[in-house]
C-alpha atoms as a PDB file:
ATOM      1  CA  MET A   1      86.772  58.914 123.447  1.00  0.00           C
ATOM      2  CA  VAL A   2      88.083  62.503 123.549  1.00  0.00           C
ATOM      3  CA  ALA A   3      91.561  61.320 122.554  1.00  0.00           C
ATOM      4  CA  LEU A   4      90.256  59.216 119.652  1.00  0.00           C
ATOM      5  CA  ARG A   5      88.048  62.010 118.324  1.00  0.00           C
ATOM      6  CA  SER A   6      90.953  64.435 118.671  1.00  0.00           C
ATOM      7  CA  ILE A   7      93.352  62.174 116.771  1.00  0.00           C
ATOM      8  CA  LEU A   8      90.780  61.675 114.019  1.00  0.00           C
ATOM      9  CA  PHE A   9      90.024  65.377 113.754  1.00  0.00           C
ATOM     10  CA  ASN A  10      93.683  66.422 113.690  1.00  0.00           C
ATOM     11  CA  THR A  11      94.442  63.835 111.009  1.00  0.00           C
ATOM     12  CA  VAL A  12      91.517  64.876 108.822  1.00  0.00           C
ATOM     13  CA  PHE A  13      92.283  68.570 109.426  1.00  0.00           C
ATOM     14  CA  TYR A  14      95.761  68.291 107.898  1.00  0.00           C
ATOM     15  CA  ILE A  15      94.608  65.981 105.113  1.00  0.00           C
ATOM     16  CA  ASN A  16      91.935  68.557 104.275  1.00  0.00           C
ATOM     17  CA  LEU A  17      94.584  71.292 104.129  1.00  0.00           C
ATOM     18  CA  ILE A  18      96.897  69.324 101.836  1.00  0.00           C
ATOM     19  CA  VAL A  19      94.158  68.069  99.517  1.00  0.00           C
ATOM     20  CA  GLN A  20      92.559  71.477  99.109  1.00  0.00           C
ATOM     21  CA  MET A  21      95.877  73.182  98.429  1.00  0.00           C
ATOM     22  CA  ILE A  22      96.587  70.635  95.688  1.00  0.00           C
ATOM     23  CA  VAL A  23      93.097  70.688  94.164  1.00  0.00           C
ATOM     24  CA  PHE A  24      92.522  74.442  94.276  1.00  0.00           C
ATOM     25  CA  THR A  25      96.046  75.665  93.521  1.00  0.00           C
ATOM     26  CA  PRO A  26      95.521  76.126  89.749  1.00  0.00           C
ATOM     27  CA  ALA A  27      92.309  78.116  90.244  1.00  0.00           C
ATOM     28  CA  TYR A  28      93.755  80.100  93.141  1.00  0.00           C
ATOM     29  CA  PHE A  29      96.736  81.394  91.215  1.00  0.00           C
ATOM     30  CA  LEU A  30      94.867  81.993  87.956  1.00  0.00           C
ATOM     31  CA  LEU A  31      92.017  83.989  89.472  1.00  0.00           C
ATOM     32  CA  PRO A  32      92.274  87.701  90.335  1.00  0.00           C
ATOM     33  CA  ARG A  33      93.524  88.188  93.892  1.00  0.00           C
ATOM     34  CA  LYS A  34      90.241  89.135  95.548  1.00  0.00           C
ATOM     35  CA  ARG A  35      88.183  86.441  93.807  1.00  0.00           C
ATOM     36  CA  ALA A  36      90.777  83.877  94.879  1.00  0.00           C
ATOM     37  CA  TRP A  37      89.696  84.437  98.500  1.00  0.00           C
ATOM     38  CA  PHE A  38      87.012  81.797  97.933  1.00  0.00           C
ATOM     39  CA  VAL A  39      89.723  79.111  98.377  1.00  0.00           C
ATOM     40  CA  PRO A  40      90.915  79.945 101.946  1.00  0.00           C
ATOM     41  CA  LYS A  41      87.367  80.873 102.973  1.00  0.00           C
ATOM     42  CA  PHE A  42      86.046  77.523 101.731  1.00  0.00           C
ATOM     43  CA  TRP A  43      88.894  75.835 103.619  1.00  0.00           C
ATOM     44  CA  ALA A  44      87.884  77.713 106.789  1.00  0.00           C
ATOM     45  CA  LYS A  45      84.230  76.714 106.423  1.00  0.00           C
ATOM     46  CA  SER A  46      85.156  73.086 105.812  1.00  0.00           C
ATOM     47  CA  ASN A  47      87.341  73.087 108.940  1.00  0.00           C
ATOM     48  CA  ASN A  48      84.464  74.446 111.002  1.00  0.00           C
ATOM     49  CA  TRP A  49      82.216  71.699 109.590  1.00  0.00           C
ATOM     50  CA  LEU A  50      84.794  69.004 110.396  1.00  0.00           C
ATOM     51  CA  MET A  51      85.236  70.416 113.897  1.00  0.00           C
ATOM     52  CA  ALA A  52      81.495  70.126 114.504  1.00  0.00           C
ATOM     53  CA  LYS A  53      81.079  66.649 112.983  1.00  0.00           C
ATOM     54  CA  ILE A  54      84.211  64.978 114.356  1.00  0.00           C
ATOM     55  CA  ALA A  55      85.234  66.874 117.496  1.00  0.00           C
ATOM     56  CA  GLY A  56      81.689  67.911 118.424  1.00  0.00           C
ATOM     57  CA  THR A  57      82.668  71.580 118.781  1.00  0.00           C
ATOM     58  CA  THR A  58      80.259  74.201 117.472  1.00  0.00           C
ATOM     59  CA  PHE A  59      80.077  77.973 117.695  1.00  0.00           C
ATOM     60  CA  GLU A  60      77.835  80.932 116.994  1.00  0.00           C
ATOM     61  CA  ILE A  61      78.658  84.517 116.085  1.00  0.00           C
ATOM     62  CA  GLU A  62      76.899  87.426 117.756  1.00  0.00           C
ATOM     63  CA  GLY A  63      77.222  91.028 116.617  1.00  0.00           C
ATOM     64  CA  LEU A  64      77.812  90.724 112.873  1.00  0.00           C
ATOM     65  CA  GLU A  65      75.837  93.960 112.541  1.00  0.00           C
ATOM     66  CA  ASN A  66      78.730  95.735 114.309  1.00  0.00           C
ATOM     67  CA  ILE A  67      81.107  95.140 111.391  1.00  0.00           C
ATOM     68  CA  PRO A  68      81.480  98.410 109.449  1.00  0.00           C
ATOM     69  CA  LYS A  69      81.785  98.736 105.712  1.00  0.00           C
ATOM     70  CA  GLY A  70      85.169  99.271 104.106  1.00  0.00           C
ATOM     71  CA  GLY A  71      88.451  99.353 105.991  1.00  0.00           C
ATOM     72  CA  TYR A  72      88.738  98.640 109.700  1.00  0.00           C
ATOM     73  CA  ILE A  73      90.980  96.858 112.215  1.00  0.00           C
ATOM     74  CA  PHE A  74      89.629  93.504 113.414  1.00  0.00           C
ATOM     75  CA  ALA A  75      90.957  92.907 116.951  1.00  0.00           C
ATOM     76  CA  PRO A  76      90.052  89.488 118.403  1.00  0.00           C
ATOM     77  CA  LYS A  77      91.226  87.660 121.491  1.00  0.00           C
ATOM     78  CA  HIS A  78      93.830  85.056 120.545  1.00  0.00           C
ATOM     79  CA  GLN A  79      93.732  81.696 122.334  1.00  0.00           C
ATOM     80  CA  SER A  80      93.815  78.982 119.697  1.00  0.00           C
ATOM     81  CA  PHE A  81      94.896  78.088 116.177  1.00  0.00           C
ATOM     82  CA  TRP A  82      91.170  78.201 115.375  1.00  0.00           C
ATOM     83  CA  ASP A  83      91.355  82.001 115.633  1.00  0.00           C
ATOM     84  CA  VAL A  84      93.634  82.109 112.583  1.00  0.00           C
ATOM     85  CA  PHE A  85      91.027  80.763 110.172  1.00  0.00           C
ATOM     86  CA  GLY A  86      87.697  80.445 111.977  1.00  0.00           C
ATOM     87  CA  LEU A  87      86.474  83.970 111.325  1.00  0.00           C
ATOM     88  CA  LEU A  88      87.857  84.405 107.791  1.00  0.00           C
ATOM     89  CA  PRO A  89      84.361  84.090 106.246  1.00  0.00           C
ATOM     90  CA  CYS A  90      83.234  87.135 108.281  1.00  0.00           C
ATOM     91  CA  MET A  91      85.691  89.468 106.569  1.00  0.00           C
ATOM     92  CA  ASP A  92      85.514  90.640 102.988  1.00  0.00           C
ATOM     93  CA  ASP A  93      89.192  91.113 102.147  1.00  0.00           C
ATOM     94  CA  PRO A  94      91.425  90.694 105.221  1.00  0.00           C
ATOM     95  CA  VAL A  95      95.130  91.456 105.421  1.00  0.00           C
ATOM     96  CA  TYR A  96      97.526  90.151 108.071  1.00  0.00           C
ATOM     97  CA  ILE A  97     100.824  91.477 109.372  1.00  0.00           C
ATOM     98  CA  LEU A  98     102.757  88.234 109.832  1.00  0.00           C
ATOM     99  CA  LYS A  99     106.290  87.055 110.485  1.00  0.00           C
ATOM    100  CA  ARG A 100     108.262  86.830 107.271  1.00  0.00           C
ATOM    101  CA  GLU A 101     109.360  83.240 107.894  1.00  0.00           C
ATOM    102  CA  LEU A 102     105.841  82.079 107.016  1.00  0.00           C
ATOM    103  CA  THR A 103     106.303  83.354 103.475  1.00  0.00           C
ATOM    104  CA  TRP A 104     109.281  81.017 103.039  1.00  0.00           C
ATOM    105  CA  ILE A 105     107.119  77.877 103.358  1.00  0.00           C
ATOM    106  CA  PRO A 106     106.666  76.296  99.906  1.00  0.00           C
ATOM    107  CA  LEU A 107     103.146  76.663  98.490  1.00  0.00           C
ATOM    108  CA  PHE A 108     101.751  78.109 101.742  1.00  0.00           C
ATOM    109  CA  GLY A 109     104.025  81.118 101.392  1.00  0.00           C
ATOM    110  CA  TRP A 110     102.890  81.573  97.801  1.00  0.00           C
ATOM    111  CA  TYR A 111      99.267  81.543  98.952  1.00  0.00           C
ATOM    112  CA  VAL A 112     100.081  84.223 101.526  1.00  0.00           C
ATOM    113  CA  MET A 113     101.869  86.501  99.090  1.00  0.00           C
ATOM    114  CA  LYS A 114      99.095  86.157  96.500  1.00  0.00           C
ATOM    115  CA  GLN A 115      96.842  87.974  98.995  1.00  0.00           C
ATOM    116  CA  ARG A 116      99.400  90.732  99.569  1.00  0.00           C
ATOM    117  CA  MET A 117      99.900  89.942 103.240  1.00  0.00           C
ATOM    118  CA  ILE A 118     102.501  92.076 105.019  1.00  0.00           C
ATOM    119  CA  PRO A 119     105.592  90.131 106.144  1.00  0.00           C
ATOM    120  CA  VAL A 120     107.741  91.612 108.887  1.00  0.00           C
ATOM    121  CA  ASN A 121     110.873  90.716 110.780  1.00  0.00           C
ATOM    122  CA  ARG A 122     109.683  90.645 114.385  1.00  0.00           C
ATOM    123  CA  GLY A 123     112.950  92.177 115.530  1.00  0.00           C
ATOM    124  CA  ALA A 124     112.708  94.994 113.028  1.00  0.00           C
ATOM    125  CA  LYS A 125     112.498  98.615 114.110  1.00  0.00           C
ATOM    126  CA  GLY A 126     112.701 102.084 112.673  1.00  0.00           C
ATOM    127  CA  LYS A 127     112.673 102.278 108.889  1.00  0.00           C
ATOM    128  CA  VAL A 128     111.429  98.703 108.402  1.00  0.00           C
ATOM    129  CA  MET A 129     108.422  99.241 110.652  1.00  0.00           C
ATOM    130  CA  LEU A 130     107.691 102.525 108.886  1.00  0.00           C
ATOM    131  CA  GLU A 131     107.576 100.602 105.601  1.00  0.00           C
ATOM    132  CA  VAL A 132     105.218  98.052 107.169  1.00  0.00           C
ATOM    133  CA  MET A 133     102.873 100.829 108.265  1.00  0.00           C
ATOM    134  CA  GLN A 134     102.975 102.392 104.805  1.00  0.00           C
ATOM    135  CA  ARG A 135     102.025  99.027 103.305  1.00  0.00           C
ATOM    136  CA  ALA A 136      99.219  98.589 105.817  1.00  0.00           C
ATOM    137  CA  LYS A 137      97.870 102.080 105.121  1.00  0.00           C
ATOM    138  CA  LYS A 138      97.887 101.426 101.376  1.00  0.00           C
ATOM    139  CA  GLU A 139      95.919  98.175 101.815  1.00  0.00           C
ATOM    140  CA  MET A 140      93.438  99.834 104.170  1.00  0.00           C
ATOM    141  CA  GLU A 141      92.835 102.653 101.697  1.00  0.00           C
ATOM    142  CA  ALA A 142      91.780  99.933  99.250  1.00  0.00           C
ATOM    143  CA  GLY A 143      89.016  98.964 101.699  1.00  0.00           C
ATOM    144  CA  ARG A 144      90.695  95.936 103.265  1.00  0.00           C
ATOM    145  CA  GLN A 145      90.403  94.774 106.881  1.00  0.00           C
ATOM    146  CA  LEU A 146      93.552  94.516 108.991  1.00  0.00           C
ATOM    147  CA  LEU A 147      93.483  91.629 111.485  1.00  0.00           C
ATOM    148  CA  ILE A 148      95.545  92.223 114.626  1.00  0.00           C
ATOM    149  CA  TYR A 149      95.617  90.247 117.885  1.00  0.00           C
ATOM    150  CA  PRO A 150      95.937  92.974 120.554  1.00  0.00           C
ATOM    151  CA  GLU A 151      97.769  90.647 122.944  1.00  0.00           C
ATOM    152  CA  GLY A 152     100.138  89.458 120.264  1.00  0.00           C
ATOM    153  CA  THR A 153     100.240  85.746 120.972  1.00  0.00           C
ATOM    154  CA  ARG A 154      97.957  82.917 122.032  1.00  0.00           C
ATOM    155  CA  ARG A 155      97.040  82.964 125.719  1.00  0.00           C
ATOM    156  CA  PRO A 156      94.821  80.636 127.801  1.00  0.00           C
ATOM    157  CA  PRO A 157      91.255  81.794 128.582  1.00  0.00           C
ATOM    158  CA  GLY A 158      91.191  84.036 131.633  1.00  0.00           C
ATOM    159  CA  SER A 159      94.861  85.055 131.447  1.00  0.00           C
ATOM    160  CA  PRO A 160      95.725  88.465 132.918  1.00  0.00           C
ATOM    161  CA  PRO A 161      95.503  91.169 130.238  1.00  0.00           C
ATOM    162  CA  ASP A 162      98.684  91.814 128.281  1.00  0.00           C
ATOM    163  CA  TYR A 163      97.678  94.178 125.495  1.00  0.00           C
ATOM    164  CA  LYS A 164     100.558  95.416 123.364  1.00  0.00           C
ATOM    165  CA  TYR A 165     100.728  99.141 122.681  1.00  0.00           C
ATOM    166  CA  GLY A 166     101.428  98.537 119.009  1.00  0.00           C
ATOM    167  CA  ILE A 167      97.725  98.428 118.180  1.00  0.00           C
ATOM    168  CA  ALA A 168      97.325 101.956 119.587  1.00  0.00           C
ATOM    169  CA  ARG A 169     100.063 103.229 117.268  1.00  0.00           C
ATOM    170  CA  ILE A 170      98.463 101.493 114.297  1.00  0.00           C
ATOM    171  CA  TYR A 171      95.055 102.906 115.285  1.00  0.00           C
ATOM    172  CA  ARG A 172      96.564 106.410 115.420  1.00  0.00           C
ATOM    173  CA  ASP A 173      98.332 106.098 112.074  1.00  0.00           C
ATOM    174  CA  LEU A 174      95.593 104.383 110.058  1.00  0.00           C
ATOM    175  CA  GLN A 175      92.622 106.405 111.358  1.00  0.00           C
ATOM    176  CA  VAL A 176      90.061 103.619 110.929  1.00  0.00           C
ATOM    177  CA  PRO A 177      87.576 101.977 113.354  1.00  0.00           C
ATOM    178  CA  VAL A 178      88.734  99.114 115.568  1.00  0.00           C
ATOM    179  CA  VAL A 179      86.331  96.184 116.035  1.00  0.00           C
ATOM    180  CA  PRO A 180      87.013  94.294 119.313  1.00  0.00           C
ATOM    181  CA  VAL A 181      86.122  90.582 119.352  1.00  0.00           C
ATOM    182  CA  VAL A 182      85.927  88.331 122.415  1.00  0.00           C
ATOM    183  CA  MET A 183      85.624  84.541 122.412  1.00  0.00           C
ATOM    184  CA  HIS A 184      86.949  81.474 124.197  1.00  0.00           C
ATOM    185  CA  PRO A 185      87.795  78.783 121.629  1.00  0.00           C
ATOM    186  CA  GLY A 186      90.879  78.046 123.720  1.00  0.00           C
ATOM    187  CA  LEU A 187      88.672  76.013 126.062  1.00  0.00           C
ATOM    188  CA  PHE A 188      87.877  73.607 123.212  1.00  0.00           C
ATOM    189  CA  TRP A 189      91.012  73.834 121.036  1.00  0.00           C
ATOM    190  CA  PRO A 190      93.764  74.488 123.626  1.00  0.00           C
ATOM    191  CA  ARG A 191      97.065  75.922 122.490  1.00  0.00           C
ATOM    192  CA  ARG A 192      99.982  73.466 122.229  1.00  0.00           C
ATOM    193  CA  LYS A 193      97.725  70.449 122.821  1.00  0.00           C
ATOM    194  CA  PHE A 194      96.266  67.896 120.438  1.00  0.00           C
ATOM    195  CA  LEU A 195      93.028  67.395 122.400  1.00  0.00           C
ATOM    196  CA  ARG A 196      89.810  68.872 120.973  1.00  0.00           C
ATOM    197  CA  PHE A 197      86.863  69.092 123.381  1.00  0.00           C
ATOM    198  CA  ALA A 198      83.212  68.918 122.424  1.00  0.00           C
ATOM    199  CA  GLY A 199      80.970  71.834 123.323  1.00  0.00           C
ATOM    200  CA  HIS A 200      79.664  75.170 122.110  1.00  0.00           C
ATOM    201  CA  PHE A 201      81.196  78.622 122.294  1.00  0.00           C
ATOM    202  CA  LYS A 202      80.120  82.107 121.312  1.00  0.00           C
ATOM    203  CA  VAL A 203      82.031  84.731 119.353  1.00  0.00           C
ATOM    204  CA  LYS A 204      81.005  88.283 120.302  1.00  0.00           C
ATOM    205  CA  ILE A 205      81.790  91.040 117.820  1.00  0.00           C
ATOM    206  CA  LEU A 206      81.594  94.257 119.827  1.00  0.00           C
ATOM    207  CA  PRO A 207      80.668  97.761 118.586  1.00  0.00           C
ATOM    208  CA  PRO A 208      83.603  99.437 116.841  1.00  0.00           C
ATOM    209  CA  ILE A 209      85.745 102.061 118.530  1.00  0.00           C
ATOM    210  CA  ALA A 210      85.677 105.121 116.280  1.00  0.00           C
ATOM    211  CA  PRO A 211      88.921 106.645 114.994  1.00  0.00           C
ATOM    212  CA  GLY A 212      90.296 109.899 116.349  1.00  0.00           C
ATOM    213  CA  LEU A 213      90.846 109.134 120.042  1.00  0.00           C
ATOM    214  CA  ASP A 214      94.137 109.862 121.742  1.00  0.00           C
ATOM    215  CA  PRO A 215      96.187 106.613 121.475  1.00  0.00           C
ATOM    216  CA  ASP A 216      96.433 106.246 125.264  1.00  0.00           C
ATOM    217  CA  VAL A 217      92.695 106.774 125.667  1.00  0.00           C
ATOM    218  CA  PHE A 218      91.978 104.297 122.886  1.00  0.00           C
ATOM    219  CA  HIS A 219      94.312 101.667 124.339  1.00  0.00           C
ATOM    220  CA  GLN A 220      92.697 101.813 127.772  1.00  0.00           C
ATOM    221  CA  ALA A 221      89.188 101.823 126.267  1.00  0.00           C
ATOM    222  CA  LEU A 222      90.064  98.719 124.233  1.00  0.00           C
ATOM    223  CA  ILE A 223      91.401  96.907 127.291  1.00  0.00           C
ATOM    224  CA  ASP A 224      88.395  97.882 129.414  1.00  0.00           C
ATOM    225  CA  VAL A 225      85.726  96.763 126.951  1.00  0.00           C
ATOM    226  CA  MET A 226      87.469  93.572 125.892  1.00  0.00           C
ATOM    227  CA  GLU A 227      88.263  92.425 129.428  1.00  0.00           C
ATOM    228  CA  ARG A 228      84.782  93.240 130.727  1.00  0.00           C
ATOM    229  CA  GLU A 229      83.060  91.405 127.882  1.00  0.00           C
ATOM    230  CA  SER A 230      85.595  88.574 127.907  1.00  0.00           C
ATOM    231  CA  ASP A 231      85.079  87.919 131.622  1.00  0.00           C
ATOM    232  CA  ALA A 232      81.294  87.824 131.229  1.00  0.00           C
ATOM    233  CA  LEU A 233      81.561  85.504 128.248  1.00  0.00           C
ATOM    234  CA  LEU A 234      84.028  83.248 130.059  1.00  0.00           C
ATOM    235  CA  VAL A 235      81.572  82.688 132.901  1.00  0.00           C
ATOM    236  CA  GLU A 236      78.756  82.020 130.425  1.00  0.00           C
ATOM    237  CA  THR A 237      80.837  79.617 128.341  1.00  0.00           C
ATOM    238  CA  VAL A 238      82.049  77.601 131.318  1.00  0.00           C
ATOM    239  CA  ARG A 239      78.542  77.382 132.788  1.00  0.00           C
ATOM    240  CA  ASN A 240      77.188  76.101 129.475  1.00  0.00           C
ATOM    241  CA  ASN A 241      80.012  73.573 129.038  1.00  0.00           C
ATOM    242  CA  PRO A 242      80.616  71.927 132.428  1.00  0.00           C
ATOM    243  CA  GLN A 243      82.216  68.931 130.708  1.00  0.00           C
ATOM    244  CA  VAL A 244      85.230  70.899 129.494  1.00  0.00           C
ATOM    245  CA  PRO A 245      88.378  70.699 131.699  1.00  0.00           C
ATOM    246  CA  LEU A 246      89.665  74.101 132.731  1.00  0.00           C
ATOM    247  CA  PRO A 247      93.305  75.271 132.720  1.00  0.00           C
ATOM    248  CA  PRO A 248      94.520  76.499 136.139  1.00  0.00           C
ATOM    249  CA  VAL A 249      94.660  80.110 134.914  1.00  0.00           C
ATOM    250  CA  THR A 250      91.004  79.885 133.884  1.00  0.00           C
ATOM    251  CA  GLU A 251      89.982  78.469 137.251  1.00  0.00           C
ATOM    252  CA  ASN A 252      91.898  81.250 139.003  1.00  0.00           C
ATOM    253  CA  ARG A 253      90.149  83.919 136.974  1.00  0.00           C
ATOM    254  CA  LEU A 254      86.723  82.445 137.666  1.00  0.00           C
ATOM    255  CA  GLN A 255      87.501  82.458 141.393  1.00  0.00           C
ATOM    256  CA  GLU A 256      88.583  86.116 141.182  1.00  0.00           C
ATOM    257  CA  LEU A 257      85.284  86.927 139.488  1.00  0.00           C
ATOM    258  CA  GLY A 258      83.370  85.083 142.217  1.00  0.00           C
ATOM    259  CA  ALA A 259      81.575  83.021 139.583  1.00  0.00           C
ATOM    260  CA  GLU A 260      79.148  80.431 140.871  1.00  0.00           C
ATOM    261  CA  LEU A 261      79.255  77.562 138.389  1.00  0.00           C
END
């Protein structure tokens, strides 16, 4: 049953993407940039609806009151492709720093560039990265929200912390609040797997870390709060979803925490 529901969901997910890109493309490119956000946000909401109806996976968001007005850095855990779109409706006008190769994809790349996303060569250093930061600062001054995954890439729930120092440099240079976010969608939409598991998970938006801290102090504070809250939420999520199979790294972390499930 899980395999059949997963195949159906994955099929409908990509059909939904293609159909919406075709149907909404004229409106998307004719509308002013910010108003055009309704297209990807509607796509995100429809994906969440399909995930609930077909895969049986639902979620709730706690802590929306912690989102500040204006520009800030949104810093969620990254475990699943769901993270890329699932929280789009929570942000007013997000901007991503993304690998430049994504902008080369026909139609998709045009969508990305319409929203003034910031492409970067991952191997770039020096002057190129300075230009990226200047672009990011300009977008943030316009009141946008910069989405950054502090650990860089998708990692299974319960993985040992591997927070990149880049977010501390960006925090120092942009001088805006950082909003940590913990969640475990990777238990239900695992990375590099087609299976989608039914259940319910919680997204916790934590109080923002104010600008102005020393970068080293900020980096350690971010790690401490995110790992503490992530561990507590992992135990809660697993207890509430005993039907979901756990990756070995998740089981190991639960044992280290002494969780009684």
